[in-house]
């Protein structure tokens, strides 16, 4: 009987630990890292050749940099993040990647 109770308590504790963990941040962290790498490469290119880019590109880079900093703090912090917020962040990282690709394509076409 004691073994059964001990096993039951162990199973309950495992479920409790899983439930307290919250949503998995790792997919969002991976998406952030990918978007951040592409973003940083473009920012370095823009800073190296500022005459080749419009003011709109500079403004968008600055706005995106602010959001990236906020997201980095959220992902590295202890604050709980909902799965909905993580999904929203990952979708935004996809937008960042698309924007970076479009700016690079525009430059290559010139």
PDB file of N, CA and C in Angstrom:
ATOM      1  N   UNK A   1       0.826  -1.202   0.000  1.00  0.00           N
ATOM      2  CA  UNK A   1       0.000   0.000   0.000  1.00  0.00           C
ATOM      3  C   UNK A   1       0.869   1.265   0.000  1.00  0.00           C
ATOM      4  N   UNK A   2       1.964   1.217   0.793  1.00  0.00           N
ATOM      5  CA  UNK A   2       2.844   2.380   0.845  1.00  0.00           C
ATOM      6  C   UNK A   2       3.483   2.662  -0.514  1.00  0.00           C
ATOM      7  N   UNK A   3       3.843   1.595  -1.232  1.00  0.00           N
ATOM      8  CA  UNK A   3       4.444   1.767  -2.543  1.00  0.00           C
ATOM      9  C   UNK A   3       3.459   2.400  -3.516  1.00  0.00           C
ATOM     10  N   UNK A   4       2.209   1.996  -3.436  1.00  0.00           N
ATOM     11  CA  UNK A   4       1.177   2.549  -4.306  1.00  0.00           C
ATOM     12  C   UNK A   4       0.962   4.037  -4.019  1.00  0.00           C
ATOM     13  N   UNK A   5       0.905   4.391  -2.747  1.00  0.00           N
ATOM     14  CA  UNK A   5       0.724   5.788  -2.359  1.00  0.00           C
ATOM     15  C   UNK A   5       1.942   6.614  -2.799  1.00  0.00           C
ATOM     16  N   UNK A   6       3.146   6.067  -2.610  1.00  0.00           N
ATOM     17  CA  UNK A   6       4.360   6.778  -3.015  1.00  0.00           C
ATOM     18  C   UNK A   6       4.382   6.992  -4.522  1.00  0.00           C
ATOM     19  N   UNK A   7       3.988   5.962  -5.276  1.00  0.00           N
ATOM     20  CA  UNK A   7       3.940   6.080  -6.728  1.00  0.00           C
ATOM     21  C   UNK A   7       2.908   7.121  -7.152  1.00  0.00           C
ATOM     22  N   UNK A   8       1.755   7.097  -6.528  1.00  0.00           N
ATOM     23  CA  UNK A   8       0.701   8.055  -6.827  1.00  0.00           C
ATOM     24  C   UNK A   8       1.163   9.486  -6.533  1.00  0.00           C
ATOM     25  N   UNK A   9       1.830   9.694  -5.398  1.00  0.00           N
ATOM     26  CA  UNK A   9       2.341  11.019  -5.052  1.00  0.00           C
ATOM     27  C   UNK A   9       3.412  11.481  -6.054  1.00  0.00           C
ATOM     28  N   UNK A  10       4.260  10.562  -6.484  1.00  0.00           N
ATOM     29  CA  UNK A  10       5.297  10.903  -7.462  1.00  0.00           C
ATOM     30  C   UNK A  10       4.671  11.341  -8.776  1.00  0.00           C
ATOM     31  N   UNK A  11       3.640  10.639  -9.219  1.00  0.00           N
ATOM     32  CA  UNK A  11       2.951  11.002 -10.463  1.00  0.00           C
ATOM     33  C   UNK A  11       2.278  12.363 -10.327  1.00  0.00           C
ATOM     34  N   UNK A  12       1.652  12.611  -9.208  1.00  0.00           N
ATOM     35  CA  UNK A  12       0.987  13.897  -8.975  1.00  0.00           C
ATOM     36  C   UNK A  12       2.001  15.034  -8.974  1.00  0.00           C
ATOM     37  N   UNK A  13       3.166  14.814  -8.350  1.00  0.00           N
ATOM     38  CA  UNK A  13       4.196  15.852  -8.322  1.00  0.00           C
ATOM     39  C   UNK A  13       4.731  16.130  -9.732  1.00  0.00           C
ATOM     40  N   UNK A  14       4.866  15.095 -10.556  1.00  0.00           N
ATOM     41  CA  UNK A  14       5.325  15.304 -11.934  1.00  0.00           C
ATOM     42  C   UNK A  14       4.340  16.153 -12.710  1.00  0.00           C
ATOM     43  N   UNK A  15       3.048  15.867 -12.565  1.00  0.00           N
ATOM     44  CA  UNK A  15       2.035  16.672 -13.246  1.00  0.00           C
ATOM     45  C   UNK A  15       2.047  18.108 -12.739  1.00  0.00           C
ATOM     46  N   UNK A  16       2.263  18.286 -11.463  1.00  0.00           N
ATOM     47  CA  UNK A  16       2.302  19.633 -10.897  1.00  0.00           C
ATOM     48  C   UNK A  16       3.480  20.417 -11.462  1.00  0.00           C
ATOM     49  N   UNK A  17       4.632  19.780 -11.601  1.00  0.00           N
ATOM     50  CA  UNK A  17       5.792  20.458 -12.154  1.00  0.00           C
ATOM     51  C   UNK A  17       5.569  20.850 -13.609  1.00  0.00           C
ATOM     52  N   UNK A  18       4.957  19.977 -14.373  1.00  0.00           N
ATOM     53  CA  UNK A  18       4.683  20.280 -15.776  1.00  0.00           C
ATOM     54  C   UNK A  18       3.689  21.426 -15.878  1.00  0.00           C
ATOM     55  N   UNK A  19       2.683  21.432 -15.057  1.00  0.00           N
ATOM     56  CA  UNK A  19       1.664  22.480 -15.100  1.00  0.00           C
ATOM     57  C   UNK A  19       2.222  23.831 -14.704  1.00  0.00           C
ATOM     58  N   UNK A  20       3.196  23.862 -13.807  1.00  0.00           N
ATOM     59  CA  UNK A  20       3.758  25.131 -13.352  1.00  0.00           C
ATOM     60  C   UNK A  20       4.753  25.723 -14.338  1.00  0.00           C
ATOM     61  N   UNK A  21       5.218  24.929 -15.262  1.00  0.00           N
ATOM     62  CA  UNK A  21       6.255  25.384 -16.166  1.00  0.00           C
ATOM     63  C   UNK A  21       5.806  26.452 -17.140  1.00  0.00           C
ATOM     64  N   UNK A  22       4.548  26.523 -17.454  1.00  0.00           N
ATOM     65  CA  UNK A  22       4.072  27.494 -18.430  1.00  0.00           C
ATOM     66  C   UNK A  22       4.446  27.060 -19.831  1.00  0.00           C
ATOM     67  N   UNK A  23       4.138  27.891 -20.814  1.00  0.00           N
ATOM     68  CA  UNK A  23       4.444  27.537 -22.202  1.00  0.00           C
ATOM     69  C   UNK A  23       5.955  27.484 -22.447  1.00  0.00           C
ATOM     70  N   UNK A  24       6.339  26.689 -23.406  1.00  0.00           N
ATOM     71  CA  UNK A  24       7.743  26.518 -23.770  1.00  0.00           C
ATOM     72  C   UNK A  24       8.213  27.737 -24.553  1.00  0.00           C
ATOM     73  N   UNK A  25       9.226  28.407 -24.052  1.00  0.00           N
ATOM     74  CA  UNK A  25       9.763  29.605 -24.700  1.00  0.00           C
ATOM     75  C   UNK A  25      10.757  29.283 -25.816  1.00  0.00           C
ATOM     76  N   UNK A  26      11.258  28.061 -25.851  1.00  0.00           N
ATOM     77  CA  UNK A  26      12.354  27.750 -26.758  1.00  0.00           C
ATOM     78  C   UNK A  26      12.043  28.029 -28.230  1.00  0.00           C
ATOM     79  N   UNK A  27      10.843  27.674 -28.738  1.00  0.00           N
ATOM     80  CA  UNK A  27      10.563  28.024 -30.145  1.00  0.00           C
ATOM     81  C   UNK A  27      10.613  29.535 -30.396  1.00  0.00           C
ATOM     82  N   UNK A  28      10.137  30.316 -29.438  1.00  0.00           N
ATOM     83  CA  UNK A  28      10.189  31.775 -29.589  1.00  0.00           C
ATOM     84  C   UNK A  28      11.626  32.272 -29.518  1.00  0.00           C
ATOM     85  N   UNK A  29      12.431  31.667 -28.648  1.00  0.00           N
ATOM     86  CA  UNK A  29      13.838  32.051 -28.538  1.00  0.00           C
ATOM     87  C   UNK A  29      14.566  31.734 -29.840  1.00  0.00           C
ATOM     88  N   UNK A  30      14.287  30.559 -30.403  1.00  0.00           N
ATOM     89  CA  UNK A  30      14.911  30.190 -31.674  1.00  0.00           C
ATOM     90  C   UNK A  30      14.504  31.148 -32.788  1.00  0.00           C
ATOM     91  N   UNK A  31      13.218  31.496 -32.845  1.00  0.00           N
ATOM     92  CA  UNK A  31      12.733  32.432 -33.867  1.00  0.00           C
ATOM     93  C   UNK A  31      13.343  33.816 -33.651  1.00  0.00           C
ATOM     94  N   UNK A  32      13.471  34.220 -32.393  1.00  0.00           N
ATOM     95  CA  UNK A  32      14.102  35.505 -32.081  1.00  0.00           C
ATOM     96  C   UNK A  32      15.544  35.509 -32.566  1.00  0.00           C
ATOM     97  N   UNK A  33      16.276  34.453 -32.269  1.00  0.00           N
ATOM     98  CA  UNK A  33      17.688  34.386 -32.670  1.00  0.00           C
ATOM     99  C   UNK A  33      17.848  34.457 -34.187  1.00  0.00           C
ATOM    100  N   UNK A  34      16.980  33.762 -34.906  1.00  0.00           N
ATOM    101  CA  UNK A  34      17.034  33.791 -36.374  1.00  0.00           C
ATOM    102  C   UNK A  34      16.751  35.195 -36.902  1.00  0.00           C
ATOM    103  N   UNK A  35      15.678  35.812 -36.394  1.00  0.00           N
ATOM    104  CA  UNK A  35      15.313  37.161 -36.842  1.00  0.00           C
ATOM    105  C   UNK A  35      16.387  38.167 -36.436  1.00  0.00           C
ATOM    106  N   UNK A  36      16.932  38.000 -35.252  1.00  0.00           N
ATOM    107  CA  UNK A  36      17.949  38.916 -34.760  1.00  0.00           C
ATOM    108  C   UNK A  36      19.211  38.849 -35.608  1.00  0.00           C
ATOM    109  N   UNK A  37      19.594  37.657 -36.028  1.00  0.00           N
ATOM    110  CA  UNK A  37      20.774  37.495 -36.874  1.00  0.00           C
ATOM    111  C   UNK A  37      20.580  38.209 -38.207  1.00  0.00           C
ATOM    112  N   UNK A  38      19.428  38.001 -38.842  1.00  0.00           N
ATOM    113  CA  UNK A  38      19.143  38.656 -40.120  1.00  0.00           C
ATOM    114  C   UNK A  38      19.063  40.172 -39.945  1.00  0.00           C
ATOM    115  N   UNK A  39      18.398  40.603 -38.878  1.00  0.00           N
ATOM    116  CA  UNK A  39      18.243  42.021 -38.587  1.00  0.00           C
ATOM    117  C   UNK A  39      19.603  42.679 -38.355  1.00  0.00           C
ATOM    118  N   UNK A  40      20.442  42.046 -37.553  1.00  0.00           N
ATOM    119  CA  UNK A  40      21.758  42.608 -37.248  1.00  0.00           C
ATOM    120  C   UNK A  40      22.628  42.722 -38.497  1.00  0.00           C
ATOM    121  N   UNK A  41      22.553  41.716 -39.367  1.00  0.00           N
ATOM    122  CA  UNK A  41      23.328  41.764 -40.610  1.00  0.00           C
ATOM    123  C   UNK A  41      22.877  42.937 -41.483  1.00  0.00           C
ATOM    124  N   UNK A  42      21.564  43.132 -41.589  1.00  0.00           N
ATOM    125  CA  UNK A  42      21.053  44.251 -42.381  1.00  0.00           C
ATOM    126  C   UNK A  42      21.431  45.579 -41.739  1.00  0.00           C
ATOM    127  N   UNK A  43      21.316  45.676 -40.426  1.00  0.00           N
ATOM    128  CA  UNK A  43      21.668  46.920 -39.731  1.00  0.00           C
ATOM    129  C   UNK A  43      23.130  47.262 -39.958  1.00  0.00           C
ATOM    130  N   UNK A  44      23.994  46.265 -39.928  1.00  0.00           N
ATOM    131  CA  UNK A  44      25.422  46.514 -40.181  1.00  0.00           C
ATOM    132  C   UNK A  44      25.637  47.006 -41.606  1.00  0.00           C
ATOM    133  N   UNK A  45      24.918  46.413 -42.553  1.00  0.00           N
ATOM    134  CA  UNK A  45      25.027  46.828 -43.956  1.00  0.00           C
ATOM    135  C   UNK A  45      24.524  48.264 -44.138  1.00  0.00           C
ATOM    136  N   UNK A  46      23.410  48.581 -43.515  1.00  0.00           N
ATOM    137  CA  UNK A  46      22.843  49.931 -43.625  1.00  0.00           C
ATOM    138  C   UNK A  46      23.798  50.946 -42.999  1.00  0.00           C
ATOM    139  N   UNK A  47      24.357  50.617 -41.853  1.00  0.00           N
ATOM    140  CA  UNK A  47      25.292  51.542 -41.202  1.00  0.00           C
ATOM    141  C   UNK A  47      26.578  51.713 -42.002  1.00  0.00           C
ATOM    142  N   UNK A  48      26.987  50.678 -42.713  1.00  0.00           N
ATOM    143  CA  UNK A  48      28.206  50.763 -43.524  1.00  0.00           C
ATOM    144  C   UNK A  48      27.988  51.559 -44.806  1.00  0.00           C
ATOM    145  N   UNK A  49      26.756  51.544 -45.325  1.00  0.00           N
ATOM    146  CA  UNK A  49      26.436  52.216 -46.590  1.00  0.00           C
ATOM    147  C   UNK A  49      25.155  53.044 -46.450  1.00  0.00           C
ATOM    148  N   UNK A  50      25.149  54.049 -45.611  1.00  0.00           N
ATOM    149  CA  UNK A  50      23.906  54.781 -45.332  1.00  0.00           C
ATOM    150  C   UNK A  50      23.317  55.513 -46.534  1.00  0.00           C
ATOM    151  N   UNK A  51      24.136  55.863 -47.499  1.00  0.00           N
ATOM    152  CA  UNK A  51      23.633  56.603 -48.664  1.00  0.00           C
ATOM    153  C   UNK A  51      22.783  55.737 -49.585  1.00  0.00           C
ATOM    154  N   UNK A  52      22.866  54.444 -49.439  1.00  0.00           N
ATOM    155  CA  UNK A  52      22.128  53.537 -50.313  1.00  0.00           C
ATOM    156  C   UNK A  52      20.728  53.211 -49.801  1.00  0.00           C
ATOM    157  N   UNK A  53      20.366  53.730 -48.640  1.00  0.00           N
ATOM    158  CA  UNK A  53      19.080  53.382 -48.033  1.00  0.00           C
ATOM    159  C   UNK A  53      18.266  54.639 -47.753  1.00  0.00           C
ATOM    160  N   UNK A  54      16.947  54.477 -47.792  1.00  0.00           N
ATOM    161  CA  UNK A  54      16.042  55.598 -47.547  1.00  0.00           C
ATOM    162  C   UNK A  54      15.871  55.844 -46.047  1.00  0.00           C
ATOM    163  N   UNK A  55      15.327  56.987 -45.735  1.00  0.00           N
ATOM    164  CA  UNK A  55      15.038  57.319 -44.332  1.00  0.00           C
ATOM    165  C   UNK A  55      14.023  56.338 -43.752  1.00  0.00           C
ATOM    166  N   UNK A  56      13.134  55.864 -44.605  1.00  0.00           N
ATOM    167  CA  UNK A  56      12.131  54.889 -44.153  1.00  0.00           C
ATOM    168  C   UNK A  56      12.796  53.609 -43.624  1.00  0.00           C
ATOM    169  N   UNK A  57      13.850  53.178 -44.277  1.00  0.00           N
ATOM    170  CA  UNK A  57      14.575  51.993 -43.822  1.00  0.00           C
ATOM    171  C   UNK A  57      15.198  52.256 -42.457  1.00  0.00           C
ATOM    172  N   UNK A  58      15.813  53.432 -42.298  1.00  0.00           N
ATOM    173  CA  UNK A  58      16.405  53.790 -41.007  1.00  0.00           C
ATOM    174  C   UNK A  58      15.354  53.831 -39.903  1.00  0.00           C
ATOM    175  N   UNK A  59      14.211  54.440 -40.198  1.00  0.00           N
ATOM    176  CA  UNK A  59      13.137  54.545 -39.208  1.00  0.00           C
ATOM    177  C   UNK A  59      12.612  53.159 -38.822  1.00  0.00           C
ATOM    178  N   UNK A  60      12.413  52.313 -39.821  1.00  0.00           N
ATOM    179  CA  UNK A  60      11.914  50.960 -39.553  1.00  0.00           C
ATOM    180  C   UNK A  60      12.928  50.168 -38.741  1.00  0.00           C
ATOM    181  N   UNK A  61      14.200  50.287 -39.078  1.00  0.00           N
ATOM    182  CA  UNK A  61      15.246  49.606 -38.300  1.00  0.00           C
ATOM    183  C   UNK A  61      15.218  50.044 -36.837  1.00  0.00           C
ATOM    184  N   UNK A  62      15.076  51.339 -36.606  1.00  0.00           N
ATOM    185  CA  UNK A  62      15.039  51.838 -35.230  1.00  0.00           C
ATOM    186  C   UNK A  62      13.827  51.317 -34.470  1.00  0.00           C
ATOM    187  N   UNK A  63      12.667  51.317 -35.118  1.00  0.00           N
ATOM    188  CA  UNK A  63      11.457  50.802 -34.475  1.00  0.00           C
ATOM    189  C   UNK A  63      11.597  49.313 -34.159  1.00  0.00           C
ATOM    190  N   UNK A  64      12.105  48.567 -35.133  1.00  0.00           N
ATOM    191  CA  UNK A  64      12.281  47.133 -34.921  1.00  0.00           C
ATOM    192  C   UNK A  64      13.303  46.852 -33.824  1.00  0.00           C
ATOM    193  N   UNK A  65      14.361  47.649 -33.779  1.00  0.00           N
ATOM    194  CA  UNK A  65      15.380  47.463 -32.739  1.00  0.00           C
ATOM    195  C   UNK A  65      14.768  47.632 -31.353  1.00  0.00           C
ATOM    196  N   UNK A  66      13.898  48.618 -31.195  1.00  0.00           N
ATOM    197  CA  UNK A  66      13.236  48.828 -29.905  1.00  0.00           C
ATOM    198  C   UNK A  66      12.398  47.608 -29.505  1.00  0.00           C
ATOM    199  N   UNK A  67      11.653  47.077 -30.461  1.00  0.00           N
ATOM    200  CA  UNK A  67      10.810  45.904 -30.174  1.00  0.00           C
ATOM    201  C   UNK A  67      11.679  44.681 -29.893  1.00  0.00           C
ATOM    202  N   UNK A  68      12.758  44.519 -30.646  1.00  0.00           N
ATOM    203  CA  UNK A  68      13.656  43.379 -30.421  1.00  0.00           C
ATOM    204  C   UNK A  68      14.242  43.423 -29.007  1.00  0.00           C
ATOM    205  N   UNK A  69      14.605  44.604 -28.550  1.00  0.00           N
ATOM    206  CA  UNK A  69      15.145  44.755 -27.194  1.00  0.00           C
ATOM    207  C   UNK A  69      14.097  44.359 -26.159  1.00  0.00           C
ATOM    208  N   UNK A  70      12.865  44.810 -26.352  1.00  0.00           N
ATOM    209  CA  UNK A  70      11.781  44.457 -25.425  1.00  0.00           C
ATOM    210  C   UNK A  70      11.548  42.947 -25.410  1.00  0.00           C
ATOM    211  N   UNK A  71      11.528  42.340 -26.586  1.00  0.00           N
ATOM    212  CA  UNK A  71      11.299  40.899 -26.671  1.00  0.00           C
ATOM    213  C   UNK A  71      12.442  40.122 -26.028  1.00  0.00           C
ATOM    214  N   UNK A  72      13.656  40.580 -26.227  1.00  0.00           N
ATOM    215  CA  UNK A  72      14.817  39.916 -25.631  1.00  0.00           C
ATOM    216  C   UNK A  72      14.690  39.912 -24.116  1.00  0.00           C
ATOM    217  N   UNK A  73      14.312  41.053 -23.564  1.00  0.00           N
ATOM    218  CA  UNK A  73      14.140  41.147 -22.113  1.00  0.00           C
ATOM    219  C   UNK A  73      13.034  40.213 -21.626  1.00  0.00           C
ATOM    220  N   UNK A  74      11.938  40.138 -22.373  1.00  0.00           N
ATOM    221  CA  UNK A  74      10.852  39.231 -22.001  1.00  0.00           C
ATOM    222  C   UNK A  74      11.298  37.772 -22.045  1.00  0.00           C
ATOM    223  N   UNK A  75      11.969  37.402 -23.118  1.00  0.00           N
ATOM    224  CA  UNK A  75      12.377  36.009 -23.287  1.00  0.00           C
ATOM    225  C   UNK A  75      13.438  35.592 -22.283  1.00  0.00           C
ATOM    226  N   UNK A  76      14.289  36.514 -21.869  1.00  0.00           N
ATOM    227  CA  UNK A  76      15.330  36.193 -20.902  1.00  0.00           C
ATOM    228  C   UNK A  76      14.867  36.349 -19.464  1.00  0.00           C
ATOM    229  N   UNK A  77      13.763  37.035 -19.249  1.00  0.00           N
ATOM    230  CA  UNK A  77      13.292  37.322 -17.896  1.00  0.00           C
ATOM    231  C   UNK A  77      12.542  36.164 -17.265  1.00  0.00           C
ATOM    232  N   UNK A  78      12.153  36.384 -16.032  1.00  0.00           N
ATOM    233  CA  UNK A  78      11.415  35.382 -15.264  1.00  0.00           C
ATOM    234  C   UNK A  78       9.903  35.548 -15.370  1.00  0.00           C
ATOM    235  N   UNK A  79       9.480  36.650 -15.971  1.00  0.00           N
ATOM    236  CA  UNK A  79       8.047  36.928 -16.093  1.00  0.00           C
ATOM    237  C   UNK A  79       7.379  35.862 -16.970  1.00  0.00           C
ATOM    238  N   UNK A  80       6.231  35.409 -16.532  1.00  0.00           N
ATOM    239  CA  UNK A  80       5.503  34.403 -17.303  1.00  0.00           C
ATOM    240  C   UNK A  80       4.940  35.043 -18.572  1.00  0.00           C
ATOM    241  N   UNK A  81       5.069  34.337 -19.674  1.00  0.00           N
ATOM    242  CA  UNK A  81       4.560  34.810 -20.958  1.00  0.00           C
ATOM    243  C   UNK A  81       3.515  33.814 -21.440  1.00  0.00           C
ATOM    244  N   UNK A  82       2.376  34.309 -21.862  1.00  0.00           N
ATOM    245  CA  UNK A  82       1.321  33.424 -22.344  1.00  0.00           C
ATOM    246  C   UNK A  82       1.700  32.838 -23.704  1.00  0.00           C
ATOM    247  N   UNK A  83       1.097  31.704 -24.013  1.00  0.00           N
ATOM    248  CA  UNK A  83       1.348  31.088 -25.317  1.00  0.00           C
ATOM    249  C   UNK A  83       0.886  32.015 -26.436  1.00  0.00           C
ATOM    250  N   UNK A  84      -0.185  32.741 -26.202  1.00  0.00           N
ATOM    251  CA  UNK A  84      -0.682  33.695 -27.199  1.00  0.00           C
ATOM    252  C   UNK A  84       0.360  34.776 -27.489  1.00  0.00           C
ATOM    253  N   UNK A  85       0.994  35.297 -26.455  1.00  0.00           N
ATOM    254  CA  UNK A  85       2.030  36.322 -26.631  1.00  0.00           C
ATOM    255  C   UNK A  85       3.239  35.729 -27.349  1.00  0.00           C
ATOM    256  N   UNK A  86       3.631  34.505 -27.000  1.00  0.00           N
ATOM    257  CA  UNK A  86       4.752  33.855 -27.674  1.00  0.00           C
ATOM    258  C   UNK A  86       4.448  33.655 -29.157  1.00  0.00           C
ATOM    259  N   UNK A  87       3.226  33.236 -29.459  1.00  0.00           N
ATOM    260  CA  UNK A  87       2.831  33.063 -30.865  1.00  0.00           C
ATOM    261  C   UNK A  87       2.865  34.394 -31.611  1.00  0.00           C
ATOM    262  N   UNK A  88       2.399  35.442 -30.951  1.00  0.00           N
ATOM    263  CA  UNK A  88       2.417  36.780 -31.547  1.00  0.00           C
ATOM    264  C   UNK A  88       3.859  37.224 -31.823  1.00  0.00           C
ATOM    265  N   UNK A  89       4.741  36.966 -30.882  1.00  0.00           N
ATOM    266  CA  UNK A  89       6.143  37.325 -31.043  1.00  0.00           C
ATOM    267  C   UNK A  89       6.763  36.556 -32.210  1.00  0.00           C
ATOM    268  N   UNK A  90       6.476  35.260 -32.296  1.00  0.00           N
ATOM    269  CA  UNK A  90       7.048  34.451 -33.373  1.00  0.00           C
ATOM    270  C   UNK A  90       6.536  34.905 -34.737  1.00  0.00           C
ATOM    271  N   UNK A  91       5.272  35.297 -34.816  1.00  0.00           N
ATOM    272  CA  UNK A  91       4.730  35.814 -36.075  1.00  0.00           C
ATOM    273  C   UNK A  91       5.442  37.113 -36.455  1.00  0.00           C
ATOM    274  N   UNK A  92       5.715  37.953 -35.470  1.00  0.00           N
ATOM    275  CA  UNK A  92       6.421  39.202 -35.733  1.00  0.00           C
ATOM    276  C   UNK A  92       7.832  38.923 -36.232  1.00  0.00           C
ATOM    277  N   UNK A  93       8.488  37.912 -35.679  1.00  0.00           N
ATOM    278  CA  UNK A  93       9.839  37.561 -36.150  1.00  0.00           C
ATOM    279  C   UNK A  93       9.796  37.128 -37.612  1.00  0.00           C
ATOM    280  N   UNK A  94       8.731  36.457 -38.009  1.00  0.00           N
ATOM    281  CA  UNK A  94       8.558  36.111 -39.419  1.00  0.00           C
ATOM    282  C   UNK A  94       8.439  37.362 -40.273  1.00  0.00           C
ATOM    283  N   UNK A  95       7.707  38.356 -39.758  1.00  0.00           N
ATOM    284  CA  UNK A  95       7.589  39.631 -40.468  1.00  0.00           C
ATOM    285  C   UNK A  95       8.943  40.327 -40.593  1.00  0.00           C
ATOM    286  N   UNK A  96       9.741  40.263 -39.533  1.00  0.00           N
ATOM    287  CA  UNK A  96      11.079  40.861 -39.564  1.00  0.00           C
ATOM    288  C   UNK A  96      11.916  40.203 -40.659  1.00  0.00           C
ATOM    289  N   UNK A  97      11.897  38.876 -40.692  1.00  0.00           N
ATOM    290  CA  UNK A  97      12.666  38.149 -41.705  1.00  0.00           C
ATOM    291  C   UNK A  97      12.216  38.520 -43.118  1.00  0.00           C
ATOM    292  N   UNK A  98      10.904  38.637 -43.317  1.00  0.00           N
ATOM    293  CA  UNK A  98      10.381  39.015 -44.635  1.00  0.00           C
ATOM    294  C   UNK A  98      10.804  40.434 -45.005  1.00  0.00           C
ATOM    295  N   UNK A  99      10.748  41.355 -44.050  1.00  0.00           N
ATOM    296  CA  UNK A  99      11.125  42.736 -44.321  1.00  0.00           C
ATOM    297  C   UNK A  99      12.605  42.825 -44.670  1.00  0.00           C
ATOM    298  N   UNK A 100      13.438  42.136 -43.901  1.00  0.00           N
ATOM    299  CA  UNK A 100      14.875  42.134 -44.178  1.00  0.00           C
ATOM    300  C   UNK A 100      15.137  41.612 -45.580  1.00  0.00           C
ATOM    301  N   UNK A 101      14.474  40.509 -45.944  1.00  0.00           N
ATOM    302  CA  UNK A 101      14.661  39.935 -47.284  1.00  0.00           C
ATOM    303  C   UNK A 101      14.218  40.917 -48.363  1.00  0.00           C
ATOM    304  N   UNK A 102      13.113  41.631 -48.123  1.00  0.00           N
ATOM    305  CA  UNK A 102      12.632  42.568 -49.142  1.00  0.00           C
ATOM    306  C   UNK A 102      13.587  43.750 -49.302  1.00  0.00           C
ATOM    307  N   UNK A 103      14.159  44.249 -48.216  1.00  0.00           N
ATOM    308  CA  UNK A 103      15.129  45.349 -48.299  1.00  0.00           C
ATOM    309  C   UNK A 103      16.375  44.880 -49.036  1.00  0.00           C
ATOM    310  N   UNK A 104      16.831  43.673 -48.710  1.00  0.00           N
ATOM    311  CA  UNK A 104      18.006  43.126 -49.408  1.00  0.00           C
ATOM    312  C   UNK A 104      17.728  42.930 -50.902  1.00  0.00           C
ATOM    313  N   UNK A 105      16.528  42.485 -51.243  1.00  0.00           N
ATOM    314  CA  UNK A 105      16.167  42.302 -52.650  1.00  0.00           C
ATOM    315  C   UNK A 105      16.111  43.631 -53.389  1.00  0.00           C
ATOM    316  N   UNK A 106      15.564  44.656 -52.738  1.00  0.00           N
ATOM    317  CA  UNK A 106      15.518  45.985 -53.355  1.00  0.00           C
ATOM    318  C   UNK A 106      16.922  46.494 -53.650  1.00  0.00           C
ATOM    319  N   UNK A 107      17.823  46.295 -52.712  1.00  0.00           N
ATOM    320  CA  UNK A 107      19.191  46.758 -52.901  1.00  0.00           C
ATOM    321  C   UNK A 107      19.869  45.987 -54.032  1.00  0.00           C
ATOM    322  N   UNK A 108      19.642  44.687 -54.098  1.00  0.00           N
ATOM    323  CA  UNK A 108      20.252  43.872 -55.144  1.00  0.00           C
ATOM    324  C   UNK A 108      19.724  44.260 -56.519  1.00  0.00           C
ATOM    325  N   UNK A 109      18.471  44.720 -56.589  1.00  0.00           N
ATOM    326  CA  UNK A 109      17.869  45.092 -57.868  1.00  0.00           C
ATOM    327  C   UNK A 109      18.392  46.437 -58.372  1.00  0.00           C
ATOM    328  N   UNK A 110      18.976  47.229 -57.532  1.00  0.00           N
ATOM    329  CA  UNK A 110      19.459  48.571 -57.931  1.00  0.00           C
ATOM    330  C   UNK A 110      20.760  48.503 -58.653  1.00  0.00           C
TER     331      UNK A 110
END
